[in-house]
C-alpha atoms as a PDB file:
ATOM      1  CA  MET A   1     -79.279-101.461 126.548  1.00  0.00           C
ATOM      2  CA  ASN A   2     -78.010 -99.200 124.051  1.00  0.00           C
ATOM      3  CA  TYR A   3     -81.201 -96.731 123.957  1.00  0.00           C
ATOM      4  CA  SER A   4     -79.539 -94.365 121.014  1.00  0.00           C
ATOM      5  CA  GLN A   5     -79.381 -97.539 119.405  1.00  0.00           C
ATOM      6  CA  VAL A   6     -82.907 -98.864 119.716  1.00  0.00           C
ATOM      7  CA  LEU A   7     -84.661 -95.238 119.233  1.00  0.00           C
ATOM      8  CA  ASN A   8     -82.773 -95.292 115.818  1.00  0.00           C
ATOM      9  CA  GLU A   9     -83.926 -98.915 115.159  1.00  0.00           C
ATOM     10  CA  LEU A  10     -87.386 -98.052 116.091  1.00  0.00           C
ATOM     11  CA  GLU A  11     -87.438 -94.991 113.872  1.00  0.00           C
ATOM     12  CA  THR A  12     -85.988 -96.999 110.883  1.00  0.00           C
ATOM     13  CA  LEU A  13     -88.950 -99.580 111.449  1.00  0.00           C
ATOM     14  CA  VAL A  14     -91.443 -96.679 111.389  1.00  0.00           C
ATOM     15  CA  ASN A  15     -90.192 -95.196 108.309  1.00  0.00           C
ATOM     16  CA  GLU A  16     -90.191 -98.404 106.793  1.00  0.00           C
ATOM     17  CA  THR A  17     -93.582 -99.332 107.493  1.00  0.00           C
ATOM     18  CA  PHE A  18     -95.137 -96.411 106.479  1.00  0.00           C
ATOM     19  CA  GLY A  19     -92.940 -96.980 102.959  1.00  0.00           C
ATOM     20  CA  LEU A  20     -94.684-100.256 102.467  1.00  0.00           C
ATOM     21  CA  TRP A  21     -97.935 -98.887 100.913  1.00  0.00           C
ATOM     22  CA  GLU A  22     -97.973 -97.853  96.948  1.00  0.00           C
ATOM     23  CA  HIS A  23    -100.712 -95.679  97.575  1.00  0.00           C
ATOM     24  CA  ASN A  24    -100.338 -91.698  97.997  1.00  0.00           C
ATOM     25  CA  ARG A  25    -103.458 -89.942  98.898  1.00  0.00           C
ATOM     26  CA  VAL A  26    -106.277 -91.399 101.093  1.00  0.00           C
ATOM     27  CA  GLY A  27    -108.665 -88.591 102.437  1.00  0.00           C
ATOM     28  CA  PHE A  28    -106.377 -85.946 104.337  1.00  0.00           C
ATOM     29  CA  GLN A  29    -103.342 -88.178 104.512  1.00  0.00           C
ATOM     30  CA  TRP A  30    -100.455 -88.228 101.948  1.00  0.00           C
ATOM     31  CA  ARG A  31     -97.492 -90.413 101.992  1.00  0.00           C
ATOM     32  CA  HIS A  32     -95.066 -88.343 103.163  1.00  0.00           C
ATOM     33  CA  TYR A  33     -97.299 -86.539 105.954  1.00  0.00           C
ATOM     34  CA  THR A  34     -97.576 -89.654 108.244  1.00  0.00           C
ATOM     35  CA  TRP A  35     -93.913 -89.583 109.173  1.00  0.00           C
ATOM     36  CA  ASN A  36     -93.063 -85.871 109.494  1.00  0.00           C
ATOM     37  CA  HIS A  37     -96.486 -85.538 111.726  1.00  0.00           C
ATOM     38  CA  THR A  38     -95.097 -88.309 113.647  1.00  0.00           C
ATOM     39  CA  MET A  39     -92.024 -86.625 114.268  1.00  0.00           C
ATOM     40  CA  ARG A  40     -93.624 -83.522 115.204  1.00  0.00           C
ATOM     41  CA  VAL A  41     -95.993 -85.032 117.654  1.00  0.00           C
ATOM     42  CA  ARG A  42     -93.071 -87.175 119.392  1.00  0.00           C
ATOM     43  CA  ALA A  43     -91.005 -83.686 119.488  1.00  0.00           C
ATOM     44  CA  THR A  44     -94.348 -81.867 121.187  1.00  0.00           C
ATOM     45  CA  SER A  45     -94.896 -84.249 123.418  1.00  0.00           C
ATOM     46  CA  MET A  46     -91.260 -84.258 124.848  1.00  0.00           C
ATOM     47  CA  GLU A  47     -91.620 -80.830 125.633  1.00  0.00           C
ATOM     48  CA  LEU A  48     -95.067 -81.304 127.173  1.00  0.00           C
ATOM     49  CA  GLY A  49     -93.553 -83.915 129.214  1.00  0.00           C
ATOM     50  CA  ARG A  50     -90.819 -81.539 130.340  1.00  0.00           C
ATOM     51  CA  ARG A  51     -93.119 -78.788 131.056  1.00  0.00           C
ATOM     52  CA  GLU A  52     -95.845 -81.379 132.913  1.00  0.00           C
ATOM     53  CA  GLY A  53     -93.121 -83.474 134.526  1.00  0.00           C
ATOM     54  CA  GLY A  54     -93.758 -86.559 132.755  1.00  0.00           C
ATOM     55  CA  ASP A  55     -91.551 -89.203 131.560  1.00  0.00           C
ATOM     56  CA  VAL A  56     -89.900 -88.146 128.494  1.00  0.00           C
ATOM     57  CA  LYS A  57     -88.196 -91.081 127.418  1.00  0.00           C
ATOM     58  CA  LEU A  58     -91.473 -92.676 127.649  1.00  0.00           C
ATOM     59  CA  LEU A  59     -93.035 -90.216 125.520  1.00  0.00           C
ATOM     60  CA  GLU A  60     -90.096 -90.488 122.956  1.00  0.00           C
ATOM     61  CA  VAL A  61     -90.471 -93.966 122.547  1.00  0.00           C
ATOM     62  CA  ALA A  62     -94.294 -94.050 122.586  1.00  0.00           C
ATOM     63  CA  GLY A  63     -94.290 -90.858 120.268  1.00  0.00           C
ATOM     64  CA  THR A  64     -92.593 -92.701 117.906  1.00  0.00           C
ATOM     65  CA  LEU A  65     -94.799 -95.636 117.471  1.00  0.00           C
ATOM     66  CA  HIS A  66     -97.910 -93.902 117.877  1.00  0.00           C
ATOM     67  CA  ASP A  67     -98.980 -93.950 114.565  1.00  0.00           C
ATOM     68  CA  ILE A  68     -97.147 -96.737 113.031  1.00  0.00           C
ATOM     69  CA  THR A  69     -99.929 -98.755 111.631  1.00  0.00           C
ATOM     70  CA  LYS A  70    -102.175 -95.527 110.382  1.00  0.00           C
ATOM     71  CA  ARG A  71    -101.237 -96.581 106.915  1.00  0.00           C
ATOM     72  CA  TYR A  72    -103.633 -99.272 106.907  1.00  0.00           C
ATOM     73  CA  ASP A  73    -106.375 -96.822 107.053  1.00  0.00           C
ATOM     74  CA  GLY A  74    -107.902 -96.359 103.688  1.00  0.00           C
ATOM     75  CA  ASP A  75    -111.113 -94.057 102.889  1.00  0.00           C
ATOM     76  CA  PHE A  76    -113.891 -93.789 105.555  1.00  0.00           C
ATOM     77  CA  LYS A  77    -116.263 -97.053 105.665  1.00  0.00           C
ATOM     78  CA  THR A  78    -119.550 -96.029 104.981  1.00  0.00           C
ATOM     79  CA  ASP A  79    -123.089 -97.908 105.175  1.00  0.00           C
ATOM     80  CA  ASP A  80    -125.820 -98.396 102.648  1.00  0.00           C
ATOM     81  CA  GLU A  81    -126.846 -94.701 102.770  1.00  0.00           C
ATOM     82  CA  GLY A  82    -123.301 -93.565 102.644  1.00  0.00           C
ATOM     83  CA  LYS A  83    -123.065 -92.270 106.173  1.00  0.00           C
ATOM     84  CA  ARG A  84    -119.654 -92.960 107.638  1.00  0.00           C
ATOM     85  CA  VAL A  85    -119.754 -96.004 110.014  1.00  0.00           C
ATOM     86  CA  PHE A  86    -118.355 -95.587 113.867  1.00  0.00           C
ATOM     87  CA  THR A  87    -117.077 -97.908 116.093  1.00  0.00           C
ATOM     88  CA  PRO A  88    -118.908 -98.020 119.622  1.00  0.00           C
ATOM     89  CA  ASP A  89    -116.408 -95.568 121.309  1.00  0.00           C
ATOM     90  CA  GLY A  90    -117.099 -93.016 118.128  1.00  0.00           C
ATOM     91  CA  PHE A  91    -114.193 -93.418 116.069  1.00  0.00           C
ATOM     92  CA  TRP A  92    -114.819 -93.564 112.023  1.00  0.00           C
ATOM     93  CA  LEU A  93    -114.280 -96.706 110.692  1.00  0.00           C
ATOM     94  CA  ASN A  94    -111.576 -97.130 107.582  1.00  0.00           C
ATOM     95  CA  GLU A  95    -111.412 -99.502 104.701  1.00  0.00           C
ATOM     96  CA  PRO A  96    -108.610-101.359 105.110  1.00  0.00           C
ATOM     97  CA  LEU A  97    -105.568-100.780 102.501  1.00  0.00           C
ATOM     98  CA  THR A  98    -103.236-103.844 101.793  1.00  0.00           C
ATOM     99  CA  PRO A  99     -99.717-102.847 102.100  1.00  0.00           C
ATOM    100  CA  ALA A 100     -97.316-103.821  98.682  1.00  0.00           C
ATOM    101  CA  GLY A 101     -94.628-105.077 101.129  1.00  0.00           C
ATOM    102  CA  GLN A 102     -94.180-107.123 104.084  1.00  0.00           C
ATOM    103  CA  ASN A 103     -92.113-106.646 107.353  1.00  0.00           C
ATOM    104  CA  ILE A 104     -91.970-107.320 111.221  1.00  0.00           C
ATOM    105  CA  VAL A 105     -94.892-104.950 111.273  1.00  0.00           C
ATOM    106  CA  THR A 106     -97.582-106.650 109.246  1.00  0.00           C
ATOM    107  CA  GLU A 107     -96.284-110.040 110.260  1.00  0.00           C
ATOM    108  CA  LEU A 108     -97.498-109.075 113.766  1.00  0.00           C
ATOM    109  CA  TYR A 109    -100.320-107.219 112.335  1.00  0.00           C
ATOM    110  CA  ASN A 110    -101.486-110.496 110.682  1.00  0.00           C
ATOM    111  CA  LYS A 111    -100.605-112.535 113.525  1.00  0.00           C
ATOM    112  CA  HIS A 112    -102.589-110.811 116.059  1.00  0.00           C
ATOM    113  CA  ASN A 113    -105.714-110.187 113.742  1.00  0.00           C
ATOM    114  CA  LEU A 114    -105.921-106.669 113.534  1.00  0.00           C
ATOM    115  CA  HIS A 115    -107.510-105.940 110.355  1.00  0.00           C
ATOM    116  CA  GLY A 116    -110.277-103.509 111.038  1.00  0.00           C
ATOM    117  CA  LYS A 117    -109.333-102.016 114.212  1.00  0.00           C
ATOM    118  CA  VAL A 118    -108.831 -98.787 114.602  1.00  0.00           C
ATOM    119  CA  HIS A 119    -105.169 -97.496 114.413  1.00  0.00           C
ATOM    120  CA  HIS A 120    -104.747 -96.433 118.029  1.00  0.00           C
ATOM    121  CA  GLU A 121    -105.752 -99.969 119.278  1.00  0.00           C
ATOM    122  CA  SER A 122    -103.678-102.031 116.548  1.00  0.00           C
ATOM    123  CA  GLY A 123    -100.904 -99.605 117.093  1.00  0.00           C
ATOM    124  CA  ALA A 124    -100.825 -99.999 120.894  1.00  0.00           C
ATOM    125  CA  VAL A 125    -100.618-103.982 120.063  1.00  0.00           C
ATOM    126  CA  ILE A 126     -97.484-103.670 117.388  1.00  0.00           C
ATOM    127  CA  THR A 127     -96.173-101.601 120.442  1.00  0.00           C
ATOM    128  CA  GLU A 128     -96.236-103.958 122.754  1.00  0.00           C
ATOM    129  CA  ASN A 129     -94.934-106.893 120.476  1.00  0.00           C
ATOM    130  CA  VAL A 130     -92.070-104.372 119.023  1.00  0.00           C
ATOM    131  CA  LEU A 131     -90.939-103.281 122.748  1.00  0.00           C
ATOM    132  CA  ALA A 132     -90.630-106.921 124.228  1.00  0.00           C
ATOM    133  CA  MET A 133     -88.148-107.651 121.606  1.00  0.00           C
ATOM    134  CA  TYR A 134     -85.753-105.430 123.238  1.00  0.00           C
ATOM    135  CA  ASP A 135     -84.905-105.015 126.945  1.00  0.00           C
ATOM    136  CA  PHE A 136     -87.073-102.656 128.179  1.00  0.00           C
ATOM    137  CA  GLU A 137     -88.619-103.480 131.247  1.00  0.00           C
ATOM    138  CA  PRO A 138     -91.471-104.869 131.593  1.00  0.00           C
ATOM    139  CA  ASP A 139     -93.511-101.864 133.396  1.00  0.00           C
ATOM    140  CA  PHE A 140     -92.226 -99.343 130.782  1.00  0.00           C
ATOM    141  CA  VAL A 141     -93.505-101.828 127.848  1.00  0.00           C
ATOM    142  CA  GLU A 142     -96.715-101.442 129.708  1.00  0.00           C
ATOM    143  CA  ALA A 143     -96.784 -97.859 129.891  1.00  0.00           C
ATOM    144  CA  ALA A 144     -95.780 -97.301 126.334  1.00  0.00           C
ATOM    145  CA  THR A 145     -98.500 -99.629 125.097  1.00  0.00           C
ATOM    146  CA  ALA A 146    -101.445 -97.421 127.246  1.00  0.00           C
ATOM    147  CA  VAL A 147     -99.944 -94.241 125.953  1.00  0.00           C
ATOM    148  CA  VAL A 148    -100.288 -95.084 122.437  1.00  0.00           C
ATOM    149  CA  PHE A 149    -103.571 -96.735 122.745  1.00  0.00           C
ATOM    150  CA  ALA A 150    -105.018 -93.520 124.415  1.00  0.00           C
ATOM    151  CA  HIS A 151    -103.515 -91.387 121.739  1.00  0.00           C
ATOM    152  CA  LEU A 152    -107.083 -91.501 120.124  1.00  0.00           C
ATOM    153  CA  LYS A 153    -110.163 -90.535 123.115  1.00  0.00           C
ATOM    154  CA  PRO A 154    -113.283 -91.803 122.458  1.00  0.00           C
ATOM    155  CA  THR A 155    -116.224 -89.573 122.043  1.00  0.00           C
ATOM    156  CA  ASN A 156    -118.380 -91.226 125.165  1.00  0.00           C
ATOM    157  CA  LEU A 157    -115.949 -91.631 128.008  1.00  0.00           C
ATOM    158  CA  THR A 158    -117.772 -91.811 131.324  1.00  0.00           C
ATOM    159  CA  GLU A 159    -116.024 -89.790 133.877  1.00  0.00           C
ATOM    160  CA  GLU A 160    -114.733 -93.252 135.433  1.00  0.00           C
ATOM    161  CA  ASN A 161    -113.154 -94.349 132.158  1.00  0.00           C
ATOM    162  CA  PHE A 162    -111.810 -91.345 131.750  1.00  0.00           C
ATOM    163  CA  LYS A 163    -109.625 -91.864 134.558  1.00  0.00           C
ATOM    164  CA  LEU A 164    -108.799 -95.181 133.843  1.00  0.00           C
ATOM    165  CA  LEU A 165    -107.745 -94.345 130.179  1.00  0.00           C
ATOM    166  CA  TYR A 166    -106.041 -91.076 131.148  1.00  0.00           C
ATOM    167  CA  ASN A 167    -104.583 -92.028 134.227  1.00  0.00           C
ATOM    168  CA  ARG A 168    -101.066 -90.664 133.556  1.00  0.00           C
ATOM    169  CA  VAL A 169     -99.800 -87.721 132.281  1.00  0.00           C
ATOM    170  CA  GLU A 170     -98.185 -89.318 129.594  1.00  0.00           C
ATOM    171  CA  ASN A 171    -101.213 -90.715 128.160  1.00  0.00           C
ATOM    172  CA  GLN A 172    -102.317 -87.176 128.271  1.00  0.00           C
ATOM    173  CA  ILE A 173     -99.694 -85.383 126.707  1.00  0.00           C
ATOM    174  CA  LEU A 174     -99.608 -87.695 123.682  1.00  0.00           C
ATOM    175  CA  TYR A 175    -103.228 -87.192 122.864  1.00  0.00           C
ATOM    176  CA  ASP A 176    -102.520 -83.288 123.185  1.00  0.00           C
ATOM    177  CA  ALA A 177     -99.719 -83.283 120.943  1.00  0.00           C
ATOM    178  CA  ASP A 178    -101.570 -85.495 118.453  1.00  0.00           C
ATOM    179  CA  THR A 179    -104.348 -83.349 118.459  1.00  0.00           C
ATOM    180  CA  MET A 180    -102.646 -80.011 118.106  1.00  0.00           C
ATOM    181  CA  ASP A 181    -100.350 -80.714 115.334  1.00  0.00           C
ATOM    182  CA  PRO A 182    -102.655 -80.986 112.446  1.00  0.00           C
ATOM    183  CA  ASN A 183    -104.964 -78.781 113.979  1.00  0.00           C
ATOM    184  CA  VAL A 184    -103.701 -75.547 115.147  1.00  0.00           C
ATOM    185  CA  GLY A 185    -100.540 -73.464 114.264  1.00  0.00           C
ATOM    186  CA  TYR A 186     -98.391 -73.149 111.531  1.00  0.00           C
ATOM    187  CA  THR A 187     -97.942 -77.007 111.175  1.00  0.00           C
ATOM    188  CA  GLY A 188    -102.000 -76.796 111.099  1.00  0.00           C
ATOM    189  CA  PHE A 189    -101.556 -74.095 108.799  1.00  0.00           C
ATOM    190  CA  PHE A 190     -99.217 -76.465 106.161  1.00  0.00           C
ATOM    191  CA  ARG A 191    -101.711 -79.266 106.369  1.00  0.00           C
ATOM    192  CA  ASN A 192    -104.725 -77.162 105.612  1.00  0.00           C
ATOM    193  CA  ILE A 193    -102.984 -75.291 102.609  1.00  0.00           C
ATOM    194  CA  HIS A 194    -101.932 -78.785 100.878  1.00  0.00           C
ATOM    195  CA  ILE A 195    -105.690 -80.741 101.575  1.00  0.00           C
ATOM    196  CA  HIS A 196    -107.508 -77.171 100.068  1.00  0.00           C
ATOM    197  CA  ALA A 197    -105.021 -76.563  97.491  1.00  0.00           C
ATOM    198  CA  TYR A 198    -105.049 -80.511  96.420  1.00  0.00           C
ATOM    199  CA  PHE A 199    -108.839 -80.724  95.991  1.00  0.00           C
ATOM    200  CA  ALA A 200    -109.177 -77.304  94.828  1.00  0.00           C
ATOM    201  CA  LEU A 201    -106.817 -78.001  91.868  1.00  0.00           C
ATOM    202  CA  GLN A 202    -108.471 -81.352  91.424  1.00  0.00           C
ATOM    203  CA  ARG A 203    -111.382 -79.517  90.688  1.00  0.00           C
ATOM    204  CA  GLY A 204    -109.656 -77.182  88.245  1.00  0.00           C
ATOM    205  CA  ASN A 205    -108.674 -74.003  90.202  1.00  0.00           C
ATOM    206  CA  PHE A 206    -106.838 -72.724  93.655  1.00  0.00           C
ATOM    207  CA  ASP A 207    -108.056 -68.868  94.133  1.00  0.00           C
ATOM    208  CA  LEU A 208    -105.505 -67.560  96.151  1.00  0.00           C
ATOM    209  CA  GLU A 209    -107.198 -64.769  97.226  1.00  0.00           C
ATOM    210  CA  ASP A 210    -110.189 -66.330  98.078  1.00  0.00           C
ATOM    211  CA  TYR A 211    -108.268 -68.703 100.204  1.00  0.00           C
ATOM    212  CA  VAL A 212    -106.520 -66.038 102.247  1.00  0.00           C
ATOM    213  CA  ARG A 213    -109.948 -64.457 102.770  1.00  0.00           C
ATOM    214  CA  ASN A 214    -111.663 -67.593 103.966  1.00  0.00           C
ATOM    215  CA  LEU A 215    -108.730 -68.389 106.475  1.00  0.00           C
ATOM    216  CA  PRO A 216    -110.876 -67.228 109.791  1.00  0.00           C
ATOM    217  CA  ARG A 217    -113.257 -69.677 109.316  1.00  0.00           C
ATOM    218  CA  TRP A 218    -110.829 -72.415 109.140  1.00  0.00           C
ATOM    219  CA  ILE A 219    -108.767 -71.040 112.315  1.00  0.00           C
ATOM    220  CA  ASP A 220    -111.746 -70.134 114.528  1.00  0.00           C
ATOM    221  CA  SER A 221    -112.955 -73.912 114.220  1.00  0.00           C
ATOM    222  CA  LYS A 222    -109.928 -74.852 115.746  1.00  0.00           C
ATOM    223  CA  GLN A 223    -110.677 -72.901 119.382  1.00  0.00           C
ATOM    224  CA  GLU A 224    -112.430 -75.970 120.513  1.00  0.00           C
ATOM    225  CA  PHE A 225    -109.739 -78.319 119.944  1.00  0.00           C
ATOM    226  CA  VAL A 226    -107.656 -75.906 122.100  1.00  0.00           C
ATOM    227  CA  ASP A 227    -110.220 -75.380 124.895  1.00  0.00           C
ATOM    228  CA  LYS A 228    -110.335 -79.238 125.125  1.00  0.00           C
ATOM    229  CA  LEU A 229    -106.824 -80.243 125.759  1.00  0.00           C
ATOM    230  CA  LEU A 230    -106.249 -82.346 128.712  1.00  0.00           C
ATOM    231  CA  THR A 231    -103.024 -80.843 130.417  1.00  0.00           C
ATOM    232  CA  GLU A 232    -102.481 -76.918 131.208  1.00  0.00           C
ATOM    233  CA  SER A 233     -99.499 -76.828 129.298  1.00  0.00           C
ATOM    234  CA  SER A 234    -100.871 -78.057 125.965  1.00  0.00           C
ATOM    235  CA  ARG A 235    -103.574 -76.046 126.235  1.00  0.00           C
ATOM    236  CA  GLU A 236    -101.057 -72.588 126.845  1.00  0.00           C
ATOM    237  CA  LEU A 237     -98.999 -73.991 124.009  1.00  0.00           C
ATOM    238  CA  ALA A 238    -102.082 -74.455 121.551  1.00  0.00           C
ATOM    239  CA  GLN A 239    -103.725 -71.289 122.471  1.00  0.00           C
ATOM    240  CA  GLY A 240    -100.073 -69.690 121.305  1.00  0.00           C
ATOM    241  CA  ARG A 241    -100.385 -71.318 117.977  1.00  0.00           C
ATOM    242  CA  GLN A 242    -103.907 -70.365 117.699  1.00  0.00           C
ATOM    243  CA  ASP A 243    -102.649 -66.827 118.213  1.00  0.00           C
ATOM    244  CA  ARG A 244     -99.906 -67.157 115.651  1.00  0.00           C
ATOM    245  CA  ASN A 245    -102.619 -68.287 113.126  1.00  0.00           C
ATOM    246  CA  GLN A 246    -104.903 -65.243 113.661  1.00  0.00           C
ATOM    247  CA  GLN A 247    -101.777 -63.270 113.216  1.00  0.00           C
ATOM    248  CA  LEU A 248    -100.948 -64.684 109.972  1.00  0.00           C
ATOM    249  CA  PHE A 249    -104.058 -64.340 108.635  1.00  0.00           C
ATOM    250  CA  LEU A 250    -104.241 -60.409 109.280  1.00  0.00           C
ATOM    251  CA  GLN A 251    -100.663 -60.308 107.648  1.00  0.00           C
ATOM    252  CA  MET A 252    -101.886 -62.298 104.517  1.00  0.00           C
ATOM    253  CA  VAL A 253    -104.927 -60.240 104.066  1.00  0.00           C
ATOM    254  CA  ASP A 254    -102.737 -57.227 104.296  1.00  0.00           C
ATOM    255  CA  GLU A 255    -100.521 -58.411 101.735  1.00  0.00           C
ATOM    256  CA  LEU A 256    -103.606 -58.684  99.290  1.00  0.00           C
ATOM    257  CA  ASP A 257    -103.229 -55.353  98.772  1.00  0.00           C
ATOM    258  CA  ASP A 258     -99.834 -55.417  97.347  1.00  0.00           C
ATOM    259  CA  MET A 259    -100.035 -58.641  95.176  1.00  0.00           C
ATOM    260  CA  GLU A 260     -97.380 -58.363  93.026  1.00  0.00           C
ATOM    261  CA  ILE A 261     -94.751 -57.701  95.582  1.00  0.00           C
ATOM    262  CA  ASN A 262     -96.272 -60.094  98.201  1.00  0.00           C
ATOM    263  CA  ARG A 263     -96.337 -62.517  95.352  1.00  0.00           C
ATOM    264  CA  LYS A 264     -92.853 -62.470  94.858  1.00  0.00           C
ATOM    265  CA  TYR A 265     -91.560 -61.792  97.805  1.00  0.00           C
ATOM    266  CA  GLY A 266     -94.180 -62.445 100.881  1.00  0.00           C
ATOM    267  CA  LEU A 267     -96.531 -65.227 102.484  1.00  0.00           C
ATOM    268  CA  LEU A 268     -98.178 -65.056  99.512  1.00  0.00           C
ATOM    269  CA  GLY A 269     -95.289 -66.389  97.368  1.00  0.00           C
ATOM    270  CA  ILE A 270     -95.322 -69.070 100.404  1.00  0.00           C
ATOM    271  CA  ILE A 271     -98.519 -70.232  99.703  1.00  0.00           C
ATOM    272  CA  GLU A 272     -97.940 -70.491  95.896  1.00  0.00           C
ATOM    273  CA  TYR A 273     -95.058 -72.307  96.765  1.00  0.00           C
ATOM    274  CA  PHE A 274     -96.803 -74.967  98.887  1.00  0.00           C
ATOM    275  CA  VAL A 275     -99.486 -74.926  96.035  1.00  0.00           C
ATOM    276  CA  SER A 276     -96.947 -75.828  93.492  1.00  0.00           C
ATOM    277  CA  GLU A 277     -95.524 -78.513  95.371  1.00  0.00           C
ATOM    278  CA  ASN A 278     -98.883 -80.271  96.440  1.00  0.00           C
ATOM    279  CA  GLU A 279     -98.946 -83.872  94.909  1.00  0.00           C
ATOM    280  CA  ASP A 280     -97.060 -85.633  98.233  1.00  0.00           C
ATOM    281  CA  PRO A 281     -95.209 -82.655 100.211  1.00  0.00           C
ATOM    282  CA  HIS A 282     -92.305 -83.425 102.875  1.00  0.00           C
ATOM    283  CA  PHE A 283     -92.734 -81.072 105.436  1.00  0.00           C
ATOM    284  CA  LEU A 284     -89.041 -80.929 106.321  1.00  0.00           C
ATOM    285  CA  ASN A 285     -87.839 -80.565 102.775  1.00  0.00           C
ATOM    286  CA  GLN A 286     -90.184 -77.905 101.962  1.00  0.00           C
ATOM    287  CA  LEU A 287     -89.313 -76.101 104.989  1.00  0.00           C
ATOM    288  CA  ASP A 288     -85.354 -76.789 104.232  1.00  0.00           C
ATOM    289  CA  HIS A 289     -86.189 -75.718 100.630  1.00  0.00           C
ATOM    290  CA  LEU A 290     -87.869 -72.402 101.769  1.00  0.00           C
ATOM    291  CA  THR A 291     -85.081 -71.573 104.375  1.00  0.00           C
ATOM    292  CA  ASN A 292     -82.480 -72.571 102.402  1.00  0.00           C
ATOM    293  CA  LYS A 293     -83.303 -71.795  98.787  1.00  0.00           C
ATOM    294  CA  TRP A 294     -86.591 -69.549  98.338  1.00  0.00           C
ATOM    295  CA  LEU A 295     -85.434 -66.965 100.687  1.00  0.00           C
ATOM    296  CA  PRO A 296     -81.910 -66.402 100.180  1.00  0.00           C
ATOM    297  CA  GLN A 297     -83.189 -66.225  96.412  1.00  0.00           C
ATOM    298  CA  ARG A 298     -85.565 -63.516  97.160  1.00  0.00           C
ATOM    299  CA  LYS A 299     -82.876 -61.696  98.984  1.00  0.00           C
ATOM    300  CA  GLN A 300     -80.299 -61.911  96.090  1.00  0.00           C
ATOM    301  CA  TRP A 301     -83.171 -60.416  93.430  1.00  0.00           C
ATOM    302  CA  LEU A 302     -84.037 -57.647  96.110  1.00  0.00           C
ATOM    303  CA  ALA A 303     -80.319 -56.503  95.767  1.00  0.00           C
ATOM    304  CA  GLU A 304     -79.928 -56.833  92.148  1.00  0.00           C
ATOM    305  CA  GLU A 305     -83.580 -56.024  90.631  1.00  0.00           C
ATOM    306  CA  GLU A 306     -85.253 -53.798  92.666  1.00  0.00           C
ATOM    307  CA  LYS A 307     -84.548 -50.249  91.998  1.00  0.00           C
ATOM    308  CA  ASP A 308     -87.482 -48.174  93.305  1.00  0.00           C
ATOM    309  CA  ALA A 309     -86.973 -47.048  96.574  1.00  0.00           C
ATOM    310  CA  SER A 310     -90.663 -48.013  97.668  1.00  0.00           C
ATOM    311  CA  ALA A 311     -90.831 -51.383  96.222  1.00  0.00           C
ATOM    312  CA  ARG A 312     -87.133 -52.137  98.110  1.00  0.00           C
ATOM    313  CA  ASP A 313     -88.855 -51.173 101.145  1.00  0.00           C
ATOM    314  CA  ARG A 314     -91.998 -53.431 100.616  1.00  0.00           C
ATOM    315  CA  ALA A 315     -90.232 -56.441  99.664  1.00  0.00           C
ATOM    316  CA  GLN A 316     -87.879 -56.109 102.205  1.00  0.00           C
ATOM    317  CA  ALA A 317     -91.010 -55.910 104.618  1.00  0.00           C
ATOM    318  CA  ALA A 318     -92.049 -58.885 102.976  1.00  0.00           C
ATOM    319  CA  ILE A 319     -88.948 -60.826 103.127  1.00  0.00           C
ATOM    320  CA  ASP A 320     -89.184 -60.174 106.869  1.00  0.00           C
ATOM    321  CA  ARG A 321     -92.465 -61.512 107.074  1.00  0.00           C
ATOM    322  CA  VAL A 322     -91.502 -64.812 105.377  1.00  0.00           C
ATOM    323  CA  ASP A 323     -88.368 -65.156 107.415  1.00  0.00           C
ATOM    324  CA  ASP A 324     -90.024 -64.736 110.827  1.00  0.00           C
ATOM    325  CA  PHE A 325     -92.349 -67.681 109.418  1.00  0.00           C
ATOM    326  CA  LEU A 326     -89.811 -69.695 108.599  1.00  0.00           C
ATOM    327  CA  THR A 327     -88.131 -69.424 112.107  1.00  0.00           C
ATOM    328  CA  LEU A 328     -91.822 -69.848 113.611  1.00  0.00           C
ATOM    329  CA  MET A 329     -92.710 -72.812 111.937  1.00  0.00           C
ATOM    330  CA  THR A 330     -89.055 -74.781 112.592  1.00  0.00           C
ATOM    331  CA  ARG A 331     -89.641 -74.135 116.308  1.00  0.00           C
ATOM    332  CA  GLU A 332     -92.998 -75.213 116.061  1.00  0.00           C
ATOM    333  CA  SER A 333     -91.934 -78.361 114.652  1.00  0.00           C
ATOM    334  CA  ARG A 334     -89.612 -79.003 117.340  1.00  0.00           C
ATOM    335  CA  GLY A 335     -92.220 -78.844 119.978  1.00  0.00           C
ATOM    336  CA  GLU A 336     -90.514 -75.363 121.332  1.00  0.00           C
ATOM    337  CA  ILE A 337     -93.789 -73.011 120.816  1.00  0.00           C
END
């Protein structure tokens, strides 16, 4: 078996599957979010696998497939009183969304009657059946299926059931990576700003200063996620990301004292760029734009337009903060830090 070719085919299948739905946003998800999230979770889980002595190949395959049925999830299902409906394991249930197109994944989904299943369960069934089409060893297929199934953790696990569900370190790692990505670090900040801005604009206005000053409430609420991660390497990685967000807030709140310069050259300008591109944000495309177009343009402006020495110094400091932010965000997205 040519593993690189198989992995490429799995990536293509996942990306193709995500594109079968015509809707863009549902709740806190949007069209391009799911693919970018998948790739970041895979990269982080592979790095954690190296640190924890796990099977990196297994994590690469399971990470690729773990959210393959996520786009079936519609709005939260509610009861007659408007309260969210939960499974016995404590998972939110979603109204199902029907894809506009069909492929092998949707065929398997229908064949195995996965409608109404939470996506970790339906995704595990799809994983098992898709991998069986290739020359993977049966034990590998079984392990990958278990890793995908374990990437969501029931809220009411007994100690005995916890040991059964997370008996392999890879099961723990994918859960940790999937929990970290939307909640802590610059990847979590990216998701937060796009969620907050989208709904603020729906209401009519995004208030930059108000958003920045209220960031600590969001950051502090995520510490619980860090503390409850399952592996030591995950907690260490996540705490580093949490600390970076705390530092990011301090930089941003300081920038509010020099709004004109920092909206043009600094982190405040980064926020305003994200807000301006909010309908269906593509993480990698926006990161590429900021790194290769937005930042070089500011450097050119600094060289050509800023004549006052004090303004030049403040603008250069702002550019340096942005440069550092983009470097760290890139490294986070690769699972390195």
